[in-house]
């Protein structure tokens, strides 16, 4: 009876426990400051005036509230088309990535697959060795994919790292007995995959969507290599051009006031461009957060 009565009582922490939790809380607060302050500074700077940014007056809150940075960004007519292109690349590319990764991970997760170790070796080999930039460019050119949407989507359609995480997730989370029961009931491999594996893999699919979507949203180098048509430029390439166009060499301007104004505008544009390019991805994260930890942790266990 005494044990039952004491269950609801709060367990008292000893002196060592109090010290331990105090240290942990201090460390977490310091980490939060280190991570949070740069984000707050970027947001505050993007809403400040160019003069306040260039003179270092911005510390925590916006100074001389201004939208000049965002006005300069969105005055460029290519920004909206860049947004649209990036959204198309991200949606189409992520869809293809997830479908191909799931199609490859499911058979590789089965120990009954003939030659499974050989195929795993081939996939792993590509993580260490590749053809290189020039052979890849020649290949894209020879198959007539330059200046097309496919040049941004098909190269790297499957990430081997994500494939291995997905394979391990399916292997560890979906028991073989479920497949045996479905097989006894006459379920084919295709039906089992679509009706059993996919619904039970929502958490890892959410992780794949986040990983692939961020990769496509931030894609810059492939566009720089394979695209010459401005109508196909993604957002990152457009923002790069805006930043370069507003970068100046202060020594080339004799008037110090004009030089300071130009330098302040260039600094302001950096912070505005960061927010313009990252806000959509930050809005996506909360929707997949609840699946993120579960999918990564289960999928990363060696199998």
Protein backbone atom coordinates (compact mmCIF):
# COMPACT_ATOMS: atom_id res chain seq x y z
CA UNK A 1 0.00 0.00 0.00
CA UNK A 2 2.83 2.39 0.82
CA UNK A 3 4.37 1.82 -2.59
CA UNK A 4 1.04 2.57 -4.30
CA UNK A 5 0.60 5.78 -2.28
CA UNK A 6 4.10 6.93 -3.13
CA UNK A 7 3.66 6.47 -6.87
CA UNK A 8 1.92 9.81 -7.29
CA UNK A 9 4.51 11.68 -5.27
CA UNK A 10 7.17 13.65 -7.07
CA UNK A 11 10.59 12.07 -6.93
CA UNK A 12 13.05 14.42 -5.26
CA UNK A 13 16.24 15.11 -7.17
CA UNK A 14 19.56 14.87 -5.44
CA UNK A 15 22.22 17.55 -5.51
CA UNK A 16 24.08 15.90 -8.41
CA UNK A 17 20.88 15.69 -10.48
CA UNK A 18 20.14 19.38 -9.91
CA UNK A 19 23.64 20.35 -11.00
CA UNK A 20 23.36 18.11 -14.06
CA UNK A 21 20.03 19.58 -15.21
CA UNK A 22 21.22 23.12 -14.50
CA UNK A 23 24.27 22.58 -16.74
CA UNK A 24 22.07 21.04 -19.46
CA UNK A 25 19.69 24.00 -19.36
CA UNK A 26 22.56 26.47 -19.58
CA UNK A 27 24.03 24.64 -22.57
CA UNK A 28 20.65 24.54 -24.33
CA UNK A 29 20.13 28.26 -23.76
CA UNK A 30 23.60 29.01 -25.18
CA UNK A 31 22.92 26.81 -28.22
CA UNK A 32 19.58 28.57 -28.73
CA UNK A 33 21.31 31.97 -28.63
CA UNK A 34 24.03 30.86 -31.04
CA UNK A 35 21.46 29.51 -33.51
CA UNK A 36 18.66 32.03 -32.98
CA UNK A 37 20.56 35.31 -32.97
CA UNK A 38 21.87 35.08 -36.58
CA UNK A 39 18.32 34.34 -37.78
CA UNK A 40 16.92 37.32 -35.86
CA UNK A 41 19.75 39.51 -37.15
CA UNK A 42 19.07 38.55 -40.78
CA UNK A 43 15.34 39.28 -40.44
CA UNK A 44 15.98 42.60 -38.68
CA UNK A 45 18.59 43.67 -41.21
CA UNK A 46 16.33 42.88 -44.16
CA UNK A 47 13.70 45.28 -42.77
CA UNK A 48 16.18 48.06 -41.95
CA UNK A 49 17.48 50.91 -44.09
CA UNK A 50 20.68 50.48 -46.13
CA UNK A 51 22.45 53.12 -44.04
CA UNK A 52 21.59 51.37 -40.78
CA UNK A 53 22.86 48.05 -42.13
CA UNK A 54 26.13 49.42 -43.54
CA UNK A 55 26.94 51.41 -40.39
CA UNK A 56 26.30 48.44 -38.09
CA UNK A 57 23.41 50.01 -36.18
CA UNK A 58 21.30 46.85 -36.45
CA UNK A 59 21.88 44.64 -33.44
CA UNK A 60 18.60 42.95 -32.55
CA UNK A 61 15.61 44.95 -33.87
CA UNK A 62 15.12 46.68 -37.25
CA UNK A 63 16.47 50.23 -37.42
CA UNK A 64 14.75 52.83 -39.64
CA UNK A 65 12.12 50.34 -40.81
CA UNK A 66 12.33 49.99 -44.58
CA UNK A 67 11.30 47.63 -47.39
CA UNK A 68 13.91 48.87 -49.86
CA UNK A 69 15.63 45.48 -50.01
CA UNK A 70 12.46 43.61 -50.90
CA UNK A 71 11.43 46.30 -53.38
CA UNK A 72 14.79 45.96 -55.14
CA UNK A 73 14.40 42.18 -55.28
CA UNK A 74 10.83 42.08 -56.58
CA UNK A 75 11.37 44.92 -59.08
CA UNK A 76 13.29 42.39 -61.12
CA UNK A 77 10.77 40.78 -63.48
CA UNK A 78 12.71 37.51 -63.46
CA UNK A 79 12.08 36.88 -59.74
CA UNK A 80 8.48 35.70 -60.22
CA UNK A 81 9.42 33.50 -63.18
CA UNK A 82 12.32 32.16 -61.11
CA UNK A 83 9.91 31.33 -58.29
CA UNK A 84 7.59 29.55 -60.72
CA UNK A 85 10.44 27.58 -62.32
CA UNK A 86 11.82 26.58 -58.92
CA UNK A 87 8.38 25.42 -57.76
CA UNK A 88 7.99 23.33 -60.94
CA UNK A 89 11.48 21.86 -60.56
CA UNK A 90 10.88 21.12 -56.88
CA UNK A 91 7.43 19.53 -57.26
CA UNK A 92 8.23 17.44 -60.36
CA UNK A 93 11.73 16.53 -59.21
CA UNK A 94 10.69 15.55 -55.69
CA UNK A 95 7.84 13.42 -57.05
CA UNK A 96 10.20 11.53 -59.37
CA UNK A 97 12.83 11.22 -56.62
CA UNK A 98 10.42 9.73 -54.07
CA UNK A 99 8.83 7.32 -56.57
CA UNK A 100 12.16 6.01 -57.85
CA UNK A 101 13.65 5.77 -54.35
CA UNK A 102 10.68 3.76 -53.06
CA UNK A 103 10.68 1.51 -56.14
CA UNK A 104 14.39 0.76 -55.62
CA UNK A 105 14.34 0.50 -51.82
CA UNK A 106 11.49 -2.04 -51.62
CA UNK A 107 13.17 -4.89 -53.55
CA UNK A 108 16.56 -4.13 -51.98
CA UNK A 109 15.00 -4.49 -48.53
CA UNK A 110 14.06 -8.11 -49.27
CA UNK A 111 16.72 -10.67 -48.43
CA UNK A 112 15.09 -12.98 -50.99
CA UNK A 113 16.10 -10.77 -53.92
CA UNK A 114 18.55 -12.67 -56.18
CA UNK A 115 21.85 -10.81 -56.42
CA UNK A 116 20.82 -8.36 -53.67
CA UNK A 117 24.36 -7.85 -52.37
CA UNK A 118 25.64 -7.18 -55.90
CA UNK A 119 23.05 -4.47 -56.51
CA UNK A 120 23.77 -2.93 -53.11
CA UNK A 121 27.45 -2.85 -54.03
CA UNK A 122 26.69 -1.08 -57.32
CA UNK A 123 24.63 1.58 -55.56
CA UNK A 124 27.24 2.05 -52.82
CA UNK A 125 30.03 2.27 -55.41
CA UNK A 126 28.42 5.37 -56.95
CA UNK A 127 28.62 7.14 -53.57
CA UNK A 128 32.42 6.95 -53.72
CA UNK A 129 33.15 7.26 -57.45
CA UNK A 130 31.48 9.22 -60.23
CA UNK A 131 32.21 10.16 -63.82
CA UNK A 132 32.95 13.77 -62.97
CA UNK A 133 31.56 17.10 -64.11
CA UNK A 134 32.81 17.14 -67.71
CA UNK A 135 31.66 13.59 -68.66
CA UNK A 136 28.30 14.35 -67.03
CA UNK A 137 27.94 17.55 -69.04
CA UNK A 138 28.82 15.72 -72.26
CA UNK A 139 26.23 13.06 -71.46
CA UNK A 140 23.51 15.67 -70.79
CA UNK A 141 24.43 17.39 -74.06
CA UNK A 142 24.46 14.18 -76.13
CA UNK A 143 20.98 13.17 -74.98
CA UNK A 144 19.67 16.68 -75.83
CA UNK A 145 18.73 17.70 -72.30
CA UNK A 146 20.52 21.05 -72.24
CA UNK A 147 18.13 23.97 -71.71
CA UNK A 148 15.26 21.69 -70.73
CA UNK A 149 13.43 21.08 -67.48
CA UNK A 150 14.78 17.51 -67.47
CA UNK A 151 18.34 18.74 -66.99
CA UNK A 152 17.26 19.94 -63.55
CA UNK A 153 15.24 16.87 -62.63
CA UNK A 154 16.68 13.64 -64.04
CA UNK A 155 20.40 13.90 -63.13
CA UNK A 156 20.61 12.58 -59.59
CA UNK A 157 17.02 11.30 -59.66
CA UNK A 158 17.95 8.85 -56.88
CA UNK A 159 20.11 9.74 -53.90
CA UNK A 160 21.92 6.59 -52.78
CA UNK A 161 22.09 7.92 -49.21
CA UNK A 162 18.32 8.38 -49.11
CA UNK A 163 17.89 5.01 -50.79
CA UNK A 164 19.85 3.26 -48.05
CA UNK A 165 17.86 5.01 -45.32
CA UNK A 166 14.59 4.00 -46.99
CA UNK A 167 15.74 0.41 -47.51
CA UNK A 168 16.69 0.08 -43.85
CA UNK A 169 13.40 1.64 -42.75
CA UNK A 170 11.34 -0.85 -44.77
CA UNK A 171 13.53 -3.73 -43.67
CA UNK A 172 13.29 -2.90 -39.95
CA UNK A 173 9.75 -1.52 -39.71
CA UNK A 174 7.71 -3.88 -41.89
CA UNK A 175 7.92 -7.51 -40.70
CA UNK A 176 8.44 -10.34 -43.17
CA UNK A 177 5.44 -12.11 -41.62
CA UNK A 178 3.18 -9.43 -43.11
CA UNK A 179 4.41 -10.27 -46.61
CA UNK A 180 3.99 -14.00 -45.97
CA UNK A 181 0.41 -13.45 -44.80
CA UNK A 182 -0.35 -11.30 -47.85
CA UNK A 183 1.23 -13.91 -50.13
CA UNK A 184 -0.98 -16.65 -48.67
CA UNK A 185 -4.03 -14.50 -49.43
CA UNK A 186 -2.90 -14.25 -53.07
CA UNK A 187 -1.53 -10.69 -52.93
CA UNK A 188 0.96 -9.89 -55.68
CA UNK A 189 4.19 -7.96 -55.08
CA UNK A 190 2.73 -4.86 -56.75
CA UNK A 191 -0.42 -4.92 -54.60
CA UNK A 192 1.63 -5.56 -51.47
CA UNK A 193 3.88 -2.61 -52.28
CA UNK A 194 1.06 -0.12 -52.94
CA UNK A 195 -1.40 -1.36 -50.30
CA UNK A 196 0.98 -2.33 -47.49
CA UNK A 197 4.48 -0.89 -47.87
CA UNK A 198 3.58 2.62 -49.02
CA UNK A 199 0.91 3.30 -46.32
CA UNK A 200 3.26 1.99 -43.61
CA UNK A 201 6.14 4.15 -44.87
CA UNK A 202 4.54 7.57 -44.45
CA UNK A 203 7.20 8.77 -42.02
CA UNK A 204 10.15 7.92 -44.28
CA UNK A 205 8.32 9.31 -47.31
CA UNK A 206 7.88 12.60 -45.43
CA UNK A 207 11.62 12.64 -44.74
CA UNK A 208 12.38 11.95 -48.40
CA UNK A 209 10.06 14.74 -49.49
CA UNK A 210 11.84 17.18 -47.17
CA UNK A 211 15.36 16.12 -48.21
CA UNK A 212 14.65 16.09 -51.94
CA UNK A 213 12.55 19.26 -51.92
CA UNK A 214 15.26 21.25 -50.14
CA UNK A 215 17.84 19.92 -52.60
CA UNK A 216 15.76 21.01 -55.61
CA UNK A 217 14.83 24.35 -54.06
CA UNK A 218 18.50 25.21 -53.45
CA UNK A 219 19.71 23.76 -56.77
CA UNK A 220 22.09 26.24 -58.33
CA UNK A 221 25.10 24.57 -59.89
CA UNK A 222 23.18 22.31 -62.29
CA UNK A 223 21.22 25.31 -63.54
CA UNK A 224 24.48 27.22 -63.95
CA UNK A 225 25.88 24.40 -66.09
CA UNK A 226 22.92 23.20 -68.12
CA UNK A 227 20.65 26.24 -68.62
CA UNK A 228 21.22 29.23 -70.93
CA UNK A 229 17.58 30.12 -71.50
CA UNK A 230 16.56 32.82 -69.01
CA UNK A 231 12.96 31.61 -69.12
CA UNK A 232 14.10 28.43 -67.36
CA UNK A 233 16.32 30.04 -64.73
CA UNK A 234 15.46 28.91 -61.16
CA UNK A 235 15.14 31.37 -58.31
CA UNK A 236 18.68 30.81 -57.00
CA UNK A 237 20.22 31.79 -60.34
CA UNK A 238 18.05 34.91 -60.58
CA UNK A 239 18.94 35.96 -57.04
CA UNK A 240 22.62 35.46 -57.83
CA UNK A 241 22.37 37.83 -60.77
CA UNK A 242 20.61 40.45 -58.63
CA UNK A 243 23.33 40.22 -56.00
CA UNK A 244 26.14 40.49 -58.57
CA UNK A 245 24.43 43.43 -60.29
CA UNK A 246 24.31 45.33 -57.00
CA UNK A 247 27.84 44.48 -55.89
CA UNK A 248 30.25 47.39 -56.34
CA UNK A 249 33.88 48.19 -55.87
CA UNK A 250 33.92 51.17 -53.49
CA UNK A 251 37.32 52.29 -54.83
CA UNK A 252 35.77 52.94 -58.26
CA UNK A 253 33.39 55.58 -56.84
CA UNK A 254 34.95 58.90 -55.87
CA UNK A 255 32.00 60.25 -53.87
CA UNK A 256 32.17 58.57 -50.42
CA UNK A 257 28.46 59.13 -49.76
CA UNK A 258 27.44 57.39 -52.98
CA UNK A 259 29.90 54.56 -52.26
CA UNK A 260 28.47 54.10 -48.76
CA UNK A 261 24.91 54.08 -50.11
CA UNK A 262 25.78 51.50 -52.75
CA UNK A 263 27.60 49.34 -50.23
CA UNK A 264 24.67 49.56 -47.81
CA UNK A 265 22.23 48.54 -50.54
CA UNK A 266 24.41 45.56 -51.47
CA UNK A 267 24.51 44.47 -47.81
CA UNK A 268 20.75 44.93 -47.45
CA UNK A 269 20.09 42.86 -50.56
CA UNK A 270 22.03 39.92 -49.11
CA UNK A 271 19.69 39.65 -46.15
CA UNK A 272 16.56 40.19 -48.24
CA UNK A 273 17.65 37.51 -50.70
CA UNK A 274 18.28 35.04 -47.88
CA UNK A 275 14.73 35.45 -46.60
CA UNK A 276 13.15 35.40 -50.06
CA UNK A 277 14.84 32.11 -50.87
CA UNK A 278 14.41 30.33 -47.51
CA UNK A 279 10.93 31.27 -46.25
CA UNK A 280 9.06 28.74 -48.48
CA UNK A 281 11.24 25.87 -47.24
CA UNK A 282 10.83 26.99 -43.62
CA UNK A 283 7.05 26.92 -44.13
CA UNK A 284 7.27 23.32 -45.37
CA UNK A 285 9.20 21.97 -42.39
CA UNK A 286 6.44 22.15 -39.71
CA UNK A 287 4.19 19.89 -41.79
CA UNK A 288 6.73 17.05 -41.86
CA UNK A 289 8.39 17.62 -38.48
CA UNK A 290 6.35 14.97 -36.67
CA UNK A 291 7.54 12.33 -39.17
CA UNK A 292 11.09 13.60 -39.46
CA UNK A 293 12.72 12.21 -36.30
CA UNK A 294 10.94 8.85 -36.52
CA UNK A 295 11.81 8.34 -40.18
CA UNK A 296 15.47 9.31 -39.87
CA UNK A 297 16.14 7.41 -36.66
CA UNK A 298 14.51 4.16 -37.80
CA UNK A 299 15.92 4.44 -41.30
CA UNK A 300 19.46 5.09 -40.12
CA UNK A 301 19.75 1.91 -38.05
CA UNK A 302 22.09 -0.52 -39.73
CA UNK A 303 20.21 -3.40 -41.35
